[in-house]
Amino acid sequence: MKHRIVVACIIFLLLSFLPGCKVSEETIASDFNKMIEGTVDSTKIVAASTYLQENIKSVSRETGTGLLIQYEEYLNRYIKENPDKGRLSELVVFYDQKTKAFDEEKIKNSELKVYLEEIQAGGLKIVEYESNLVLRIDYEMLLEQYESYVGSAIVELYRLTAKVTDEPITEEAILKLSYEALLERALEAETILKNYPGDETVLADAMWIYTSHLNAILMGATNSPIFDYKTQAFSSEAMDAHISFMQSHPEATLTWVLKEYYTYLTSTSFTLDYSDKTASKVFFETCDWLVSEAEKRVQK
């Protein structure tokens, strides 16, 4: 993420020297940078969001992409620092487990209402994850507001990131997605990486999505292992999904990974006793190597 911000800043510096756009683009970029520097709070989120919506249409797509990336980083910084965590805790009692939404009519505290309105207006949402309410970026909202003013690479990445945000791979170390869904997402990430080779605005995040899903495809999760803890047998669900994918996408890097993976599985007779330290070590090292190789091959 930090590398993407550096790239965005370089874009602004280069564009500031272009004839005919120096004043407007340089001023917009400079003013926006000032708005989001320093401390983070929900009021600044609203101000920055309003400014971005009003001015992004006046700059090039390249500059607009840089501005949006900087805004995304600001939202991530707000989530990480969570300066208003007390308000988030107060909102818990108004969260409806059935509707997965807040009963805003019951919120009488005006400050809480303002806080909720500010973060929602700024592109954040509150979701339940592992029995806790947490802040997440609303990528669908960002796309709705800015898709027309930014590059296609960031649009494709945000569409995929929206899915990952709404439906994480795991919860309580249990797989929440089917192996088919994991493969579909990994293929989307692979497509972005291949369509925009070396594009620093999407490379790091697309690669993270790619490798994290690939790890789950090959290993499952702690409480949803790909080999059954009791029977030691390989998951039939995973096998069906893997084979179907290889048949449908013969040219994908993911298919190369799976072919190599099944060469290894054949040598184990599709069984693994996790309590066997030697066998487990070979399995995890094989998976790590495959993910590492995929990361290299997908960028060629």
Protein backbone atom coordinates (compact mmCIF):
# COMPACT_ATOMS: atom_id res chain seq x y z
CA MET A 1 0.00 0.00 0.00
CA LYS A 2 2.78 2.47 0.91
CA HIS A 3 4.45 1.82 -2.44
CA ARG A 4 1.20 2.72 -4.23
CA ILE A 5 1.13 6.06 -2.39
CA VAL A 6 4.69 6.80 -3.53
CA VAL A 7 3.62 6.03 -7.10
CA ALA A 8 0.63 8.35 -6.75
CA CYS A 9 2.85 11.19 -5.52
CA ILE A 10 5.26 10.69 -8.44
CA ILE A 11 2.34 10.92 -10.84
CA PHE A 12 1.36 14.27 -9.35
CA LEU A 13 4.91 15.63 -9.62
CA LEU A 14 5.21 14.59 -13.26
CA LEU A 15 1.84 16.02 -14.22
CA SER A 16 2.61 19.33 -12.56
CA PHE A 17 5.09 20.03 -15.37
CA LEU A 18 2.68 19.31 -18.20
CA PRO A 19 1.55 22.40 -20.14
CA GLY A 20 -2.03 23.49 -19.73
CA CYS A 21 -2.79 21.48 -16.59
CA LYS A 22 -0.19 22.72 -14.10
CA VAL A 23 -2.37 25.07 -12.08
CA SER A 24 -5.57 23.05 -11.82
CA GLU A 25 -4.14 19.58 -11.28
CA GLU A 26 -1.27 20.72 -9.09
CA THR A 27 -3.57 22.82 -6.92
CA ILE A 28 -6.17 20.08 -6.55
CA ALA A 29 -3.51 17.52 -5.65
CA SER A 30 -1.80 19.89 -3.22
CA ASP A 31 -5.03 20.90 -1.49
CA PHE A 32 -6.12 17.27 -1.17
CA ASN A 33 -2.78 16.24 0.28
CA LYS A 34 -3.10 18.93 2.93
CA MET A 35 -6.60 17.74 3.84
CA ILE A 36 -5.56 14.16 4.55
CA GLU A 37 -2.19 14.70 6.20
CA GLY A 38 -1.78 14.60 9.96
CA THR A 39 -4.31 13.07 12.31
CA VAL A 40 -7.31 11.06 11.15
CA ASP A 41 -10.91 11.61 12.26
CA SER A 42 -14.40 11.11 10.88
CA THR A 43 -14.93 14.83 10.21
CA LYS A 44 -11.83 14.98 8.00
CA ILE A 45 -13.07 11.92 6.14
CA VAL A 46 -16.25 13.75 5.15
CA ALA A 47 -14.33 16.88 4.13
CA ALA A 48 -11.84 14.90 2.04
CA SER A 49 -14.59 12.83 0.43
CA THR A 50 -16.60 15.92 -0.47
CA TYR A 51 -13.53 17.63 -1.94
CA LEU A 52 -12.59 14.55 -3.96
CA GLN A 53 -16.09 14.14 -5.38
CA GLU A 54 -16.19 17.79 -6.40
CA ASN A 55 -12.75 17.94 -7.99
CA ILE A 56 -11.81 14.53 -9.38
CA LYS A 57 -13.79 15.24 -12.54
CA SER A 58 -11.45 18.18 -13.25
CA VAL A 59 -8.27 16.10 -13.46
CA SER A 60 -6.96 13.36 -15.75
CA ARG A 61 -7.70 9.69 -15.10
CA GLU A 62 -4.09 9.17 -14.08
CA THR A 63 -4.26 11.94 -11.51
CA GLY A 64 -7.71 10.81 -10.42
CA THR A 65 -6.35 7.32 -9.81
CA GLY A 66 -3.58 8.76 -7.66
CA LEU A 67 -6.04 10.84 -5.65
CA LEU A 68 -8.32 7.87 -5.03
CA ILE A 69 -5.41 5.67 -3.94
CA GLN A 70 -4.37 8.34 -1.44
CA TYR A 71 -7.92 8.55 -0.14
CA GLU A 72 -8.08 4.76 0.22
CA GLU A 73 -4.85 4.88 2.21
CA TYR A 74 -6.34 7.57 4.45
CA LEU A 75 -9.39 5.39 5.11
CA ASN A 76 -7.14 2.43 5.90
CA ARG A 77 -5.16 4.60 8.30
CA TYR A 78 -8.40 5.62 10.02
CA ILE A 79 -9.40 1.96 10.37
CA LYS A 80 -6.00 1.01 11.76
CA GLU A 81 -5.74 3.86 14.25
CA ASN A 82 -9.48 3.75 15.05
CA PRO A 83 -9.57 7.08 16.92
CA ASP A 84 -13.33 6.78 17.46
CA LYS A 85 -13.40 3.20 18.76
CA GLY A 86 -15.45 4.33 21.76
CA ARG A 87 -18.28 5.37 19.47
CA LEU A 88 -18.06 2.11 17.59
CA SER A 89 -18.45 0.25 20.88
CA GLU A 90 -21.50 2.33 21.77
CA LEU A 91 -23.18 1.38 18.50
CA VAL A 92 -23.11 -2.35 19.27
CA VAL A 93 -26.46 -2.25 21.11
CA PHE A 94 -28.17 -0.82 18.02
CA TYR A 95 -26.92 -3.53 15.66
CA ASP A 96 -29.59 -5.97 14.46
CA GLN A 97 -28.18 -9.48 14.04
CA LYS A 98 -30.99 -10.49 11.68
CA THR A 99 -30.83 -7.59 9.25
CA LYS A 100 -27.06 -7.05 9.68
CA ALA A 101 -27.74 -3.33 9.95
CA PHE A 102 -28.19 -0.60 12.55
CA ASP A 103 -31.62 0.42 13.80
CA GLU A 104 -30.88 4.11 13.35
CA GLU A 105 -34.27 5.20 14.72
CA LYS A 106 -33.23 3.94 18.14
CA ILE A 107 -30.02 5.96 18.19
CA LYS A 108 -30.91 9.02 20.27
CA ASN A 109 -27.36 10.24 20.89
CA SER A 110 -26.81 12.95 18.29
CA GLU A 111 -23.01 12.50 18.33
CA LEU A 112 -23.38 8.81 17.54
CA LYS A 113 -25.73 9.61 14.67
CA VAL A 114 -23.31 12.15 13.26
CA TYR A 115 -20.42 9.69 13.57
CA LEU A 116 -22.35 6.98 11.72
CA GLU A 117 -23.40 9.42 9.00
CA GLU A 118 -19.85 10.74 8.59
CA ILE A 119 -18.13 7.40 8.15
CA GLN A 120 -20.83 6.13 5.80
CA ALA A 121 -20.69 9.29 3.70
CA GLY A 122 -16.92 8.97 3.54
CA GLY A 123 -16.87 5.45 2.15
CA LEU A 124 -16.65 3.32 5.29
CA LYS A 125 -19.05 0.74 6.64
CA ILE A 126 -19.41 -1.24 9.85
CA VAL A 127 -19.69 -5.00 9.46
CA GLU A 128 -19.74 -7.98 11.77
CA TYR A 129 -16.68 -10.22 11.66
CA GLU A 130 -15.87 -12.98 14.13
CA SER A 131 -18.56 -11.73 16.53
CA ASN A 132 -17.19 -8.17 16.53
CA LEU A 133 -18.21 -5.00 14.74
CA VAL A 134 -15.35 -3.73 12.61
CA LEU A 135 -14.75 -0.93 10.14
CA ARG A 136 -14.22 -1.76 6.48
CA ILE A 137 -13.84 0.32 3.33
CA ASP A 138 -16.99 0.32 1.21
CA TYR A 139 -15.37 -0.37 -2.15
CA GLU A 140 -18.71 -0.61 -3.94
CA MET A 141 -19.46 2.94 -2.84
CA LEU A 142 -16.04 4.16 -3.99
CA LEU A 143 -16.66 2.57 -7.38
CA GLU A 144 -20.08 4.16 -7.63
CA GLN A 145 -18.60 7.59 -6.95
CA TYR A 146 -15.27 7.44 -8.78
CA GLU A 147 -15.29 4.70 -11.42
CA SER A 148 -15.78 7.19 -14.26
CA TYR A 149 -12.71 9.21 -13.29
CA VAL A 150 -10.00 6.61 -12.63
CA GLY A 151 -8.05 3.99 -14.58
CA SER A 152 -9.44 0.58 -15.48
CA ALA A 153 -6.82 -1.30 -13.43
CA ILE A 154 -7.90 0.23 -10.12
CA VAL A 155 -11.56 -0.27 -11.04
CA GLU A 156 -11.02 -4.00 -11.60
CA LEU A 157 -9.03 -4.28 -8.38
CA TYR A 158 -11.73 -2.50 -6.36
CA ARG A 159 -14.43 -4.76 -7.78
CA LEU A 160 -12.49 -7.78 -6.61
CA THR A 161 -11.57 -6.19 -3.28
CA ALA A 162 -15.26 -5.46 -2.66
CA LYS A 163 -15.96 -9.20 -2.88
CA VAL A 164 -13.08 -10.02 -0.55
CA THR A 165 -14.27 -7.40 1.93
CA ASP A 166 -17.87 -8.59 1.92
CA GLU A 167 -17.01 -12.30 1.99
CA PRO A 168 -13.63 -12.99 3.63
CA ILE A 169 -11.88 -16.29 2.98
CA THR A 170 -12.17 -17.44 6.57
CA GLU A 171 -13.92 -16.66 9.82
CA GLU A 172 -12.81 -18.23 13.09
CA ALA A 173 -10.24 -20.14 10.97
CA ILE A 174 -13.07 -21.84 9.04
CA LEU A 175 -13.34 -21.55 5.26
CA LYS A 176 -16.35 -19.41 4.36
CA LEU A 177 -16.02 -19.91 0.62
CA SER A 178 -16.31 -23.02 -1.51
CA TYR A 179 -13.24 -24.19 -3.40
CA GLU A 180 -15.00 -23.15 -6.62
CA ALA A 181 -15.40 -19.60 -5.28
CA LEU A 182 -11.78 -19.50 -4.11
CA LEU A 183 -10.60 -20.50 -7.58
CA GLU A 184 -12.84 -17.94 -9.27
CA ARG A 185 -11.45 -15.15 -7.11
CA ALA A 186 -7.87 -16.27 -7.58
CA LEU A 187 -8.44 -16.30 -11.34
CA GLU A 188 -9.80 -12.75 -11.18
CA ALA A 189 -6.66 -11.65 -9.36
CA GLU A 190 -4.48 -13.52 -11.86
CA THR A 191 -6.27 -11.79 -14.74
CA ILE A 192 -5.61 -8.37 -13.21
CA LEU A 193 -1.93 -9.21 -12.70
CA LYS A 194 -1.58 -10.42 -16.30
CA ASN A 195 -3.59 -7.60 -17.86
CA TYR A 196 -1.67 -4.88 -16.01
CA PRO A 197 1.88 -6.24 -15.66
CA GLY A 198 4.07 -4.10 -13.46
CA ASP A 199 1.26 -1.64 -12.67
CA GLU A 200 2.26 -0.49 -9.20
CA THR A 201 -1.20 0.92 -8.49
CA VAL A 202 -2.63 -2.61 -8.31
CA LEU A 203 0.31 -5.04 -8.10
CA ALA A 204 0.71 -5.42 -4.34
CA ASP A 205 -2.99 -5.70 -3.46
CA ALA A 206 -3.85 -7.96 -6.41
CA MET A 207 -0.92 -10.22 -5.53
CA TRP A 208 -2.02 -10.39 -1.89
CA ILE A 209 -5.51 -11.48 -2.96
CA TYR A 210 -3.99 -13.98 -5.39
CA THR A 211 -1.61 -15.63 -2.93
CA SER A 212 -3.98 -15.63 0.05
CA HIS A 213 -6.67 -17.38 -1.98
CA LEU A 214 -4.13 -19.78 -3.48
CA ASN A 215 -2.98 -20.78 -0.01
CA ALA A 216 -6.57 -21.65 0.88
CA ILE A 217 -7.02 -23.53 -2.40
CA LEU A 218 -4.02 -25.72 -1.63
CA MET A 219 -4.30 -26.08 2.14
CA GLY A 220 -7.80 -25.14 3.26
CA ALA A 221 -7.84 -23.50 6.70
CA THR A 222 -6.92 -24.48 10.25
CA ASN A 223 -10.47 -25.56 11.11
CA SER A 224 -11.29 -26.57 7.52
CA PRO A 225 -8.21 -28.57 6.50
CA ILE A 226 -7.95 -29.95 2.98
CA PHE A 227 -7.07 -33.35 4.46
CA ASP A 228 -9.56 -34.66 7.01
CA TYR A 229 -8.05 -34.72 10.50
CA LYS A 230 -9.70 -38.05 11.33
CA THR A 231 -9.73 -40.02 8.08
CA GLN A 232 -6.61 -38.34 6.64
CA ALA A 233 -8.33 -38.34 3.23
CA PHE A 234 -8.08 -35.50 0.73
CA SER A 235 -11.21 -33.35 0.34
CA SER A 236 -13.49 -34.63 -2.42
CA GLU A 237 -15.02 -31.16 -2.70
CA ALA A 238 -11.59 -29.65 -3.32
CA MET A 239 -10.70 -32.34 -5.85
CA ASP A 240 -13.90 -31.82 -7.85
CA ALA A 241 -13.33 -28.06 -7.92
CA HIS A 242 -9.66 -28.41 -8.86
CA ILE A 243 -10.30 -30.83 -11.72
CA SER A 244 -13.17 -28.78 -13.11
CA PHE A 245 -11.04 -25.65 -13.02
CA MET A 246 -8.09 -27.28 -14.79
CA GLN A 247 -10.38 -28.49 -17.55
CA SER A 248 -11.99 -25.07 -17.98
CA HIS A 249 -8.82 -22.95 -17.76
CA PRO A 250 -5.93 -24.92 -19.26
CA GLU A 251 -3.77 -21.83 -19.87
CA ALA A 252 -4.04 -20.32 -16.39
CA THR A 253 -1.05 -20.14 -14.08
CA LEU A 254 -3.38 -21.59 -11.45
CA THR A 255 -3.77 -24.68 -13.61
CA TRP A 256 0.01 -25.13 -13.73
CA VAL A 257 0.02 -24.90 -9.93
CA LEU A 258 -2.72 -27.50 -9.59
CA LYS A 259 -1.02 -29.92 -11.98
CA GLU A 260 2.17 -29.75 -9.93
CA TYR A 261 0.10 -30.07 -6.76
CA TYR A 262 -1.60 -33.23 -8.01
CA THR A 263 1.75 -34.75 -8.90
CA TYR A 264 2.64 -34.36 -5.24
CA LEU A 265 -0.77 -35.64 -4.08
CA THR A 266 -0.41 -38.76 -6.20
CA SER A 267 2.84 -39.56 -4.41
CA THR A 268 0.96 -39.44 -1.08
CA SER A 269 -1.99 -41.54 -2.31
CA PHE A 270 -4.11 -38.48 -1.47
CA THR A 271 -3.73 -38.93 2.27
CA LEU A 272 -1.95 -37.00 4.99
CA ASP A 273 -1.60 -37.56 8.71
CA TYR A 274 -1.05 -34.09 10.14
CA SER A 275 0.46 -35.65 13.26
CA ASP A 276 3.27 -37.04 11.10
CA LYS A 277 5.75 -34.17 11.38
CA THR A 278 7.84 -35.25 8.41
CA ALA A 279 4.91 -35.71 6.04
CA SER A 280 3.29 -32.47 7.21
CA LYS A 281 6.54 -30.57 6.69
CA VAL A 282 6.79 -31.84 3.11
CA PHE A 283 3.16 -30.86 2.45
CA PHE A 284 3.47 -27.31 3.74
CA GLU A 285 6.83 -26.77 2.07
CA THR A 286 5.39 -28.01 -1.23
CA CYS A 287 2.47 -25.61 -0.93
CA ASP A 288 4.75 -22.71 -0.03
CA TRP A 289 6.94 -23.46 -3.05
CA LEU A 290 3.94 -23.62 -5.38
CA VAL A 291 2.62 -20.27 -4.15
CA SER A 292 6.07 -18.72 -4.54
CA GLU A 293 6.41 -20.07 -8.08
CA ALA A 294 2.92 -18.89 -8.99
CA GLU A 295 3.82 -15.41 -7.79
CA LYS A 296 6.78 -15.38 -10.19
CA ARG A 297 5.02 -16.97 -13.16
CA VAL A 298 1.92 -14.79 -13.04
CA GLN A 299 4.09 -11.71 -13.57
CA LYS A 300 5.86 -13.04 -16.68
